[in-house]
Amino acid sequence: MSEARNDLKHIAVLAFPVATHGPPLLSLVRRLSASASASYAKFSFFSTKESNSKLFSKEDGLENIKPYNVNDGLPENYNFAGNLDEVMDYFFKATPGNFKQAMEVAVREVGKDFTCIVSDAFLWFAADLAQELHITWVPLWTSSSRSLLLVLETDLVHQKTRSIVNEPEDRTIDILPGFSELRISDIPKELFPDVKESQFSAMLRKMGLALPRAAAVASNSFEELDPDAVNLFKSRLPKFLHIGPFVLTSPDPFMSDPHGCLEWLDKQKQESVVYISFGSVITLPPQELAELVEALKECQLPFLWSFRGDPKEELPEEFLERTKEKGKVVSWTPQLKVLRHKAIGVFVTHCGWNSVLDSIAGCVPMICRPFFGDQTVNTRTIEAVWGTGIEIEGGRITKGGLMKALSLVMSSTDEVNKMRKKLQHLQGLALDAVRSSGSSTKNFETLVEVVAK
């Protein structure tokens, strides 16, 4: 066992091993480790082997952040067939024992008991671990404020939705103040009372019960983005700290451009390019993929497509050949840099929270095709509350629906000009929030005090 100073802070970091959750948590930990109050601290970062290998493959200079692998619960020689729910079932069956086992290893190596647990908010059992160890728990919520409020008010959601079970899905429902634009179809299906409880819905329910026990809850957002939500949090989670957006407070220093996307964009006209990305998890249904391909073949707009998978193997050769002069299809892009490029005119997106924040930082209007989770709430907020984008007609990609949306957003109408001005306003609020005297900066200082106490 190594010797450790008595004043050493040893902080356990518990990650949820899904692609879009690990990076924000590591971003927060890197920022915490660099703060003055945490200058003598060790951060033990716990996630699955696969997740850690991706998160730490490029990292260097992180002497006080060490990854530890936890058992993913998967059977030996398990073959992933695309069913993420099944993978999560195995993972949660292994928790919290897998984390406890790895945490014991870290304590022996560092020679110091844990003084705080920082976790992804999804890992509700971290509240029990912290209580057992008599230390503080600080969860990070990586999605939108409105989606979290719905989780915290699950009982109210059940009460309201039971009475409108046969109503049309586009009917608006008044669940919480400031939510009058929300439709039945925008509520995550996992929150409906008549849905068979999945591992994910059980996780949300347990998380909603656990969060009030946290010493503080951190959020990858900024207060000025949604004042209605901020006011509601004051009564439900008094120390709810908006400390983002992380894309501005701690941008990825390793954001490379292996496919030359930025160089290609340099050759395009201002606000002329359609950028398409559905994140690192979602695969388009075959019919929608075919419709998207047809729309891109017919429209005259140049496009950059961040395609999940190998484009040469999974897209028609005829499409790639026909569009090679006006389009670029790659397996990865430095998204924030792409969205901040002057050539980008619109972002076709699944509306995951990281992508929404990237769009605000880059001041790019969105065409939304949500799939699951908070994406439907985010889409409705973008269209009906902020006015910074539109949902694709029918909520599914069709050739006609996408071309209609592109024609609207890439035009110079008053409606689109207002959309861009609203984005500029939100971008300005985000930049103000992360300045030295901004709300996110002050909230982060409070968070450091809680973690390093």
Protein backbone atom coordinates (compact mmCIF):
# COMPACT_ATOMS: atom_id res chain seq x y z
CA MET A 1 0.00 0.00 0.00
CA SER A 2 1.35 3.42 -0.96
CA GLU A 3 1.66 6.20 1.60
CA ALA A 4 -0.79 9.07 1.26
CA ARG A 5 -0.90 12.52 2.85
CA ASN A 6 -3.60 13.02 5.47
CA ASP A 7 -5.03 15.98 3.53
CA LEU A 8 -5.25 14.03 0.26
CA LYS A 9 -8.70 14.03 -1.32
CA HIS A 10 -9.51 10.70 -2.93
CA ILE A 11 -12.52 11.01 -5.19
CA ALA A 12 -14.32 8.05 -6.74
CA VAL A 13 -15.75 8.76 -10.19
CA LEU A 14 -18.47 6.32 -11.31
CA ALA A 15 -19.26 6.40 -15.03
CA PHE A 16 -22.26 5.14 -16.96
CA PRO A 17 -20.62 3.16 -19.80
CA VAL A 18 -22.56 4.50 -22.77
CA ALA A 19 -20.74 6.52 -25.42
CA THR A 20 -22.40 9.90 -24.81
CA HIS A 21 -22.13 9.76 -21.00
CA GLY A 22 -18.45 9.06 -20.36
CA PRO A 23 -16.90 12.08 -22.15
CA PRO A 24 -18.86 14.76 -20.22
CA LEU A 25 -18.03 13.09 -16.90
CA LEU A 26 -14.33 12.87 -17.75
CA SER A 27 -14.46 16.48 -18.93
CA LEU A 28 -15.83 17.50 -15.53
CA VAL A 29 -13.20 15.48 -13.67
CA ARG A 30 -10.38 16.99 -15.69
CA ARG A 31 -11.67 20.45 -14.84
CA LEU A 32 -12.06 19.57 -11.16
CA SER A 33 -8.54 18.14 -11.03
CA ALA A 34 -7.13 21.36 -12.47
CA SER A 35 -8.86 23.61 -9.95
CA ALA A 36 -6.84 25.12 -7.12
CA SER A 37 -8.96 23.62 -4.34
CA ALA A 38 -8.45 20.11 -5.75
CA SER A 39 -4.73 20.54 -6.47
CA TYR A 40 -3.87 17.70 -4.11
CA ALA A 41 -6.43 15.11 -5.04
CA LYS A 42 -6.60 11.71 -6.67
CA PHE A 43 -9.48 10.82 -8.94
CA SER A 44 -10.15 7.11 -9.44
CA PHE A 45 -12.30 6.76 -12.58
CA PHE A 46 -14.48 3.63 -12.77
CA SER A 47 -16.08 2.31 -15.94
CA THR A 48 -16.08 -0.80 -18.11
CA LYS A 49 -12.93 -1.85 -19.93
CA GLU A 50 -14.38 -0.96 -23.32
CA SER A 51 -15.52 2.48 -22.17
CA ASN A 52 -12.21 3.28 -20.45
CA SER A 53 -10.18 2.21 -23.49
CA LYS A 54 -12.00 4.80 -25.59
CA LEU A 55 -11.99 7.57 -23.00
CA PHE A 56 -8.34 7.32 -22.04
CA SER A 57 -6.77 6.25 -25.34
CA LYS A 58 -5.71 9.82 -26.15
CA GLU A 59 -5.29 11.22 -22.68
CA ASP A 60 -1.92 12.28 -21.31
CA GLY A 61 -0.72 14.46 -18.47
CA LEU A 62 -3.46 13.18 -16.16
CA GLU A 63 -1.33 11.95 -13.29
CA ASN A 64 -4.08 12.46 -10.71
CA ILE A 65 -6.81 10.72 -12.78
CA LYS A 66 -6.50 6.95 -13.06
CA PRO A 67 -8.99 4.63 -14.80
CA TYR A 68 -10.11 1.39 -13.18
CA ASN A 69 -12.11 -1.24 -15.05
CA VAL A 70 -15.36 -2.61 -13.65
CA ASN A 71 -17.02 -5.82 -14.76
CA ASP A 72 -19.60 -5.16 -17.51
CA GLY A 73 -21.61 -8.24 -16.49
CA LEU A 74 -21.61 -9.68 -20.00
CA PRO A 75 -21.29 -13.47 -20.41
CA GLU A 76 -17.99 -14.75 -21.77
CA ASN A 77 -17.82 -14.58 -25.58
CA TYR A 78 -20.97 -12.41 -25.65
CA ASN A 79 -21.79 -11.27 -29.20
CA PHE A 80 -23.42 -7.83 -29.34
CA ALA A 81 -26.31 -7.92 -31.82
CA GLY A 82 -27.37 -4.29 -31.48
CA ASN A 83 -29.65 -4.69 -28.45
CA LEU A 84 -28.42 -1.98 -26.07
CA ASP A 85 -31.18 -2.76 -23.54
CA GLU A 86 -29.84 -6.29 -23.19
CA VAL A 87 -26.32 -4.99 -22.55
CA MET A 88 -27.67 -2.60 -19.91
CA ASP A 89 -29.58 -5.46 -18.25
CA TYR A 90 -26.34 -7.39 -17.81
CA PHE A 91 -24.52 -4.28 -16.58
CA PHE A 92 -27.08 -3.35 -13.93
CA LYS A 93 -27.26 -6.94 -12.69
CA ALA A 94 -23.53 -6.63 -11.96
CA THR A 95 -23.95 -3.34 -10.04
CA PRO A 96 -23.12 -2.14 -7.48
CA GLY A 97 -20.87 -5.11 -6.70
CA ASN A 98 -18.66 -4.52 -9.73
CA PHE A 99 -18.01 -0.92 -8.64
CA LYS A 100 -17.42 -1.89 -5.01
CA GLN A 101 -14.82 -4.45 -6.03
CA ALA A 102 -12.90 -2.01 -8.21
CA MET A 103 -13.16 0.75 -5.59
CA GLU A 104 -11.50 -1.52 -3.01
CA VAL A 105 -8.57 -1.98 -5.40
CA ALA A 106 -8.21 1.79 -5.83
CA VAL A 107 -8.24 2.41 -2.07
CA ARG A 108 -5.46 -0.13 -1.57
CA GLU A 109 -3.34 1.39 -4.36
CA VAL A 110 -3.81 5.02 -3.29
CA GLY A 111 -3.63 4.25 0.42
CA LYS A 112 -6.50 6.58 1.18
CA ASP A 113 -10.23 6.02 1.71
CA PHE A 114 -12.60 7.88 -0.57
CA THR A 115 -13.66 11.36 0.49
CA CYS A 116 -16.33 11.95 -2.16
CA ILE A 117 -18.19 10.13 -4.95
CA VAL A 118 -18.82 11.90 -8.24
CA SER A 119 -21.00 9.87 -10.58
CA ASP A 120 -23.22 9.92 -13.61
CA ALA A 121 -26.70 10.69 -12.29
CA PHE A 122 -28.03 7.47 -13.85
CA LEU A 123 -26.07 5.47 -11.26
CA TRP A 124 -28.57 5.97 -8.44
CA PHE A 125 -26.88 3.38 -6.20
CA ALA A 126 -23.97 5.81 -5.75
CA ALA A 127 -26.18 7.53 -3.15
CA ASP A 128 -26.19 4.31 -1.08
CA LEU A 129 -22.44 3.79 -1.53
CA ALA A 130 -21.75 7.33 -0.32
CA GLN A 131 -24.02 6.83 2.69
CA GLU A 132 -22.24 3.58 3.60
CA LEU A 133 -18.87 5.35 3.41
CA HIS A 134 -20.16 8.51 5.20
CA ILE A 135 -19.03 10.76 2.35
CA THR A 136 -20.73 13.18 -0.05
CA TRP A 137 -22.29 12.24 -3.38
CA VAL A 138 -22.23 14.59 -6.37
CA PRO A 139 -24.05 13.29 -9.48
CA LEU A 140 -23.69 14.81 -12.94
CA TRP A 141 -26.79 15.13 -15.11
CA THR A 142 -25.65 15.04 -18.75
CA SER A 143 -29.00 15.76 -20.49
CA SER A 144 -31.44 18.67 -20.60
CA SER A 145 -33.00 20.32 -17.55
CA ARG A 146 -36.55 19.74 -18.79
CA SER A 147 -36.04 16.01 -19.22
CA LEU A 148 -34.75 15.77 -15.63
CA LEU A 149 -37.74 17.69 -14.28
CA LEU A 150 -40.05 15.16 -15.94
CA VAL A 151 -38.14 12.34 -14.21
CA LEU A 152 -38.38 14.09 -10.84
CA GLU A 153 -42.12 14.55 -11.36
CA THR A 154 -42.87 11.01 -12.56
CA ASP A 155 -45.90 10.73 -10.26
CA LEU A 156 -47.36 13.93 -11.75
CA VAL A 157 -46.64 12.66 -15.28
CA HIS A 158 -48.53 9.44 -14.42
CA GLN A 159 -51.45 11.40 -12.99
CA LYS A 160 -51.74 13.66 -16.04
CA THR A 161 -51.26 10.97 -18.70
CA ARG A 162 -53.75 8.49 -17.19
CA SER A 163 -56.60 10.89 -17.95
CA ILE A 164 -55.64 11.41 -21.61
CA VAL A 165 -54.74 7.89 -22.62
CA ASN A 166 -56.91 7.95 -25.77
CA GLU A 167 -56.05 11.51 -26.81
CA PRO A 168 -54.10 12.28 -30.03
CA GLU A 169 -50.32 12.27 -29.54
CA ASP A 170 -50.01 15.87 -30.77
CA ARG A 171 -52.23 17.20 -27.98
CA THR A 172 -50.35 19.54 -25.64
CA ILE A 173 -50.31 18.67 -21.96
CA ASP A 174 -49.70 21.07 -19.08
CA ILE A 175 -47.49 19.12 -16.66
CA LEU A 176 -45.24 21.77 -15.13
CA PRO A 177 -45.08 25.59 -15.29
CA GLY A 178 -43.31 26.63 -18.50
CA PHE A 179 -44.11 23.28 -20.13
CA SER A 180 -47.36 24.27 -21.84
CA GLU A 181 -45.93 23.49 -25.28
CA LEU A 182 -45.18 19.86 -24.41
CA ARG A 183 -47.12 17.22 -26.35
CA ILE A 184 -48.01 13.70 -25.26
CA SER A 185 -45.60 12.35 -27.89
CA ASP A 186 -42.73 14.40 -26.42
CA ILE A 187 -42.78 12.61 -23.06
CA PRO A 188 -40.23 9.76 -22.91
CA LYS A 189 -42.14 6.48 -23.18
CA GLU A 190 -40.30 5.14 -20.11
CA LEU A 191 -42.26 7.59 -17.94
CA PHE A 192 -45.73 6.40 -18.94
CA PRO A 193 -47.58 4.45 -16.22
CA ASP A 194 -48.85 1.67 -18.51
CA VAL A 195 -45.43 0.81 -19.96
CA LYS A 196 -43.88 -2.42 -18.73
CA GLU A 197 -40.95 -1.40 -16.55
CA SER A 198 -37.69 -1.88 -18.43
CA GLN A 199 -34.22 -1.63 -16.91
CA PHE A 200 -34.04 1.93 -18.24
CA SER A 201 -37.39 3.04 -16.79
CA ALA A 202 -36.50 1.43 -13.44
CA MET A 203 -33.20 3.31 -13.51
CA LEU A 204 -34.97 6.63 -14.09
CA ARG A 205 -37.43 5.99 -11.28
CA LYS A 206 -34.68 5.07 -8.79
CA MET A 207 -32.58 8.05 -9.89
CA GLY A 208 -35.49 10.43 -9.32
CA LEU A 209 -35.84 9.14 -5.76
CA ALA A 210 -32.08 9.29 -5.06
CA LEU A 211 -31.13 12.73 -6.40
CA PRO A 212 -32.57 14.75 -3.48
CA ARG A 213 -30.00 12.95 -1.28
CA ALA A 214 -27.06 14.44 -3.20
CA ALA A 215 -24.82 17.11 -1.67
CA ALA A 216 -25.10 18.89 -5.04
CA VAL A 217 -26.24 17.98 -8.55
CA ALA A 218 -24.16 19.27 -11.46
CA SER A 219 -25.57 19.85 -14.94
CA ASN A 220 -24.02 20.26 -18.37
CA SER A 221 -26.06 23.36 -19.17
CA PHE A 222 -26.29 27.04 -18.18
CA GLU A 223 -28.95 28.82 -16.14
CA GLU A 224 -29.89 31.41 -18.75
CA LEU A 225 -30.85 28.75 -21.31
CA ASP A 226 -34.03 27.76 -19.47
CA PRO A 227 -34.98 30.08 -16.56
CA ASP A 228 -38.34 28.32 -16.02
CA ALA A 229 -36.54 25.04 -15.32
CA VAL A 230 -34.01 26.75 -13.05
CA ASN A 231 -36.79 28.18 -10.89
CA LEU A 232 -38.43 24.78 -10.55
CA PHE A 233 -35.17 23.14 -9.52
CA LYS A 234 -34.76 25.55 -6.62
CA SER A 235 -37.64 23.86 -4.80
CA ARG A 236 -36.82 20.28 -5.86
CA LEU A 237 -33.01 20.18 -5.79
CA PRO A 238 -31.81 23.32 -3.98
CA LYS A 239 -28.14 22.85 -4.91
CA PHE A 240 -28.63 22.16 -8.62
CA LEU A 241 -25.58 23.67 -10.31
CA HIS A 242 -25.53 24.48 -14.01
CA ILE A 243 -21.81 24.47 -14.85
CA GLY A 244 -21.79 24.22 -18.65
CA PRO A 245 -21.87 24.05 -21.51
CA PHE A 246 -18.83 21.78 -21.35
CA VAL A 247 -18.07 22.42 -25.02
CA LEU A 248 -17.10 25.94 -23.91
CA THR A 249 -15.77 25.36 -20.39
CA SER A 250 -13.51 22.43 -21.31
CA PRO A 251 -13.40 21.73 -25.06
CA ASP A 252 -11.79 18.48 -26.17
CA PRO A 253 -8.06 19.19 -26.72
CA PHE A 254 -7.68 16.03 -28.81
CA MET A 255 -10.33 16.83 -31.43
CA SER A 256 -8.48 15.71 -34.57
CA ASP A 257 -9.74 15.84 -38.15
CA PRO A 258 -8.47 12.62 -39.79
CA HIS A 259 -10.81 12.92 -42.80
CA GLY A 260 -10.00 16.54 -43.66
CA CYS A 261 -13.52 17.83 -42.98
CA LEU A 262 -12.44 21.37 -42.09
CA GLU A 263 -10.24 21.68 -45.17
CA TRP A 264 -13.20 20.55 -47.30
CA LEU A 265 -15.49 23.06 -45.59
CA ASP A 266 -13.00 25.86 -46.29
CA LYS A 267 -13.80 25.41 -50.00
CA GLN A 268 -17.58 25.79 -49.54
CA LYS A 269 -19.70 28.93 -49.54
CA GLN A 270 -20.86 30.53 -46.30
CA GLU A 271 -23.87 28.82 -44.65
CA SER A 272 -24.29 26.53 -47.67
CA VAL A 273 -23.50 23.07 -46.22
CA VAL A 274 -25.90 20.57 -44.66
CA TYR A 275 -24.24 18.77 -41.74
CA ILE A 276 -25.77 15.39 -40.82
CA SER A 277 -25.05 13.38 -37.69
CA PHE A 278 -27.17 11.15 -35.47
CA GLY A 279 -24.56 10.65 -32.76
CA SER A 280 -22.41 7.69 -31.82
CA VAL A 281 -25.20 5.29 -30.80
CA ILE A 282 -28.09 5.60 -33.24
CA THR A 283 -28.32 3.65 -36.48
CA LEU A 284 -31.03 4.84 -38.87
CA PRO A 285 -33.76 2.31 -39.73
CA PRO A 286 -33.16 0.96 -43.28
CA GLN A 287 -36.18 2.74 -44.79
CA GLU A 288 -35.16 6.11 -43.36
CA LEU A 289 -31.58 5.58 -44.48
CA ALA A 290 -32.81 4.94 -48.02
CA GLU A 291 -35.01 8.06 -47.91
CA LEU A 292 -32.11 10.18 -46.66
CA VAL A 293 -29.89 8.89 -49.46
CA GLU A 294 -32.53 9.77 -52.07
CA ALA A 295 -33.00 13.26 -50.65
CA LEU A 296 -29.26 13.96 -50.71
CA LYS A 297 -28.98 12.70 -54.28
CA GLU A 298 -31.72 15.04 -55.48
CA CYS A 299 -31.04 18.22 -53.52
CA GLN A 300 -28.45 20.63 -54.85
CA LEU A 301 -26.94 21.49 -51.47
CA PRO A 302 -23.43 20.37 -50.49
CA PHE A 303 -23.41 18.09 -47.46
CA LEU A 304 -21.09 16.65 -44.82
CA TRP A 305 -22.37 13.39 -43.29
CA SER A 306 -20.87 11.90 -40.14
CA PHE A 307 -21.93 8.31 -40.77
CA ARG A 308 -21.89 5.72 -37.99
CA GLY A 309 -20.13 2.76 -39.59
CA ASP A 310 -18.19 2.30 -42.82
CA PRO A 311 -19.80 4.38 -45.61
CA LYS A 312 -18.20 2.30 -48.37
CA GLU A 313 -19.68 -0.91 -46.97
CA GLU A 314 -23.10 0.34 -45.86
CA LEU A 315 -24.10 2.99 -48.40
CA PRO A 316 -24.90 2.39 -52.09
CA GLU A 317 -21.84 2.73 -54.30
CA GLU A 318 -23.98 4.55 -56.85
CA PHE A 319 -24.91 7.19 -54.24
CA LEU A 320 -21.30 7.79 -53.17
CA GLU A 321 -20.19 8.07 -56.79
CA ARG A 322 -23.03 10.37 -57.81
CA THR A 323 -22.58 12.78 -54.89
CA LYS A 324 -18.78 12.78 -54.56
CA GLU A 325 -18.48 16.28 -56.03
CA LYS A 326 -20.96 17.92 -53.66
CA GLY A 327 -20.86 15.64 -50.62
CA LYS A 328 -18.43 14.19 -48.11
CA VAL A 329 -19.34 11.08 -46.09
CA VAL A 330 -16.99 10.13 -43.26
CA SER A 331 -17.03 7.87 -40.21
CA TRP A 332 -16.12 10.68 -37.77
CA THR A 333 -15.98 14.47 -37.61
CA PRO A 334 -14.70 17.00 -35.05
CA GLN A 335 -18.30 18.07 -34.55
CA LEU A 336 -17.89 21.26 -32.54
CA LYS A 337 -15.28 22.60 -34.97
CA VAL A 338 -17.53 21.64 -37.86
CA LEU A 339 -20.56 23.41 -36.40
CA ARG A 340 -18.52 26.53 -35.71
CA HIS A 341 -17.34 26.67 -39.33
CA LYS A 342 -18.85 29.48 -41.39
CA ALA A 343 -19.78 27.08 -44.22
CA ILE A 344 -22.34 25.12 -42.16
CA GLY A 345 -25.93 26.24 -42.76
CA VAL A 346 -28.01 23.59 -40.98
CA PHE A 347 -27.58 20.59 -38.69
CA VAL A 348 -29.72 17.46 -39.26
CA THR A 349 -29.59 15.82 -35.83
CA HIS A 350 -31.12 13.32 -33.39
CA CYS A 351 -31.13 16.10 -30.74
CA GLY A 352 -28.99 14.38 -28.15
CA TRP A 353 -28.04 16.96 -25.53
CA ASN A 354 -24.37 17.17 -26.48
CA SER A 355 -25.36 17.87 -30.10
CA VAL A 356 -27.89 20.51 -29.03
CA LEU A 357 -25.20 22.35 -27.05
CA ASP A 358 -22.76 22.03 -29.97
CA SER A 359 -25.39 23.58 -32.22
CA ILE A 360 -25.93 26.50 -29.85
CA ALA A 361 -22.18 27.05 -29.54
CA GLY A 362 -21.88 27.01 -33.33
CA CYS A 363 -25.06 29.06 -33.89
CA VAL A 364 -26.49 26.55 -36.39
CA PRO A 365 -30.26 25.89 -36.88
CA MET A 366 -31.42 22.30 -36.41
CA ILE A 367 -33.62 19.89 -38.33
CA CYS A 368 -34.64 17.37 -35.70
CA ARG A 369 -35.29 13.64 -35.96
CA PRO A 370 -35.48 12.41 -32.33
CA PHE A 371 -35.37 8.71 -31.46
CA PHE A 372 -35.56 8.06 -27.70
CA GLY A 373 -34.92 9.35 -24.19
CA ASP A 374 -34.61 13.10 -23.80
CA GLN A 375 -34.37 13.65 -27.56
CA THR A 376 -38.14 14.17 -27.95
CA VAL A 377 -38.22 16.74 -25.13
CA ASN A 378 -35.18 18.48 -26.60
CA THR A 379 -36.80 18.61 -30.04
CA ARG A 380 -39.98 20.18 -28.71
CA THR A 381 -37.98 22.74 -26.73
CA ILE A 382 -35.91 23.63 -29.81
CA GLU A 383 -38.96 24.15 -32.00
CA ALA A 384 -41.67 25.52 -29.69
CA VAL A 385 -39.76 27.25 -26.88
CA TRP A 386 -36.46 28.51 -28.29
CA GLY A 387 -37.44 28.69 -31.96
CA THR A 388 -33.99 27.54 -33.11
CA GLY A 389 -34.98 24.65 -35.35
CA ILE A 390 -37.80 22.45 -36.63
CA GLU A 391 -38.85 18.84 -36.27
CA ILE A 392 -38.92 16.93 -39.54
CA GLU A 393 -42.47 16.42 -40.82
CA GLY A 394 -44.05 13.34 -39.30
CA GLY A 395 -41.11 12.76 -36.97
CA ARG A 396 -39.49 10.34 -39.45
CA ILE A 397 -37.10 10.91 -42.34
CA THR A 398 -38.72 10.80 -45.75
CA LYS A 399 -37.29 12.16 -48.96
CA GLY A 400 -40.07 14.73 -49.29
CA GLY A 401 -40.07 15.70 -45.61
CA LEU A 402 -36.31 16.26 -45.48
CA MET A 403 -36.21 18.23 -48.72
CA LYS A 404 -39.06 20.42 -47.47
CA ALA A 405 -37.24 21.08 -44.19
CA LEU A 406 -33.97 21.84 -45.97
CA SER A 407 -35.75 24.21 -48.36
CA LEU A 408 -37.20 26.11 -45.40
CA VAL A 409 -34.14 26.34 -43.14
CA MET A 410 -31.68 27.11 -45.96
CA SER A 411 -33.84 29.97 -47.25
CA SER A 412 -33.58 33.66 -46.36
CA THR A 413 -37.14 34.14 -45.13
CA ASP A 414 -38.03 36.25 -42.10
CA GLU A 415 -38.80 33.04 -40.20
CA VAL A 416 -35.31 31.66 -40.76
CA ASN A 417 -33.64 34.99 -40.03
CA LYS A 418 -35.47 35.08 -36.68
CA MET A 419 -34.28 31.53 -36.03
CA ARG A 420 -30.66 32.53 -36.57
CA LYS A 421 -31.03 35.64 -34.39
CA LYS A 422 -32.44 33.53 -31.56
CA LEU A 423 -29.45 31.21 -31.88
CA GLN A 424 -27.09 34.17 -31.73
CA HIS A 425 -28.85 35.28 -28.55
CA LEU A 426 -28.48 31.84 -26.93
CA GLN A 427 -24.87 31.63 -28.05
CA GLY A 428 -24.20 34.99 -26.39
CA LEU A 429 -25.85 33.82 -23.15
CA ALA A 430 -23.69 30.69 -23.19
CA LEU A 431 -20.50 32.69 -23.68
CA ASP A 432 -21.49 35.06 -20.85
CA ALA A 433 -22.22 32.12 -18.52
CA VAL A 434 -18.67 30.73 -18.83
CA ARG A 435 -16.86 34.04 -18.37
CA SER A 436 -14.98 34.67 -15.12
CA SER A 437 -18.02 36.34 -13.53
CA GLY A 438 -20.63 34.21 -15.29
CA SER A 439 -23.24 31.99 -13.65
CA SER A 440 -21.64 28.69 -14.73
CA THR A 441 -18.23 29.78 -13.46
CA LYS A 442 -19.64 30.75 -10.05
CA ASN A 443 -21.61 27.50 -9.85
CA PHE A 444 -18.46 25.53 -10.64
CA GLU A 445 -16.63 27.26 -7.80
CA THR A 446 -19.43 26.12 -5.47
CA LEU A 447 -19.15 22.58 -6.84
CA VAL A 448 -15.39 22.49 -6.19
CA GLU A 449 -16.04 23.43 -2.57
CA VAL A 450 -18.50 20.56 -2.20
CA VAL A 451 -16.21 17.98 -3.84
CA ALA A 452 -13.05 19.06 -2.02
CA LYS A 453 -14.69 19.52 1.40
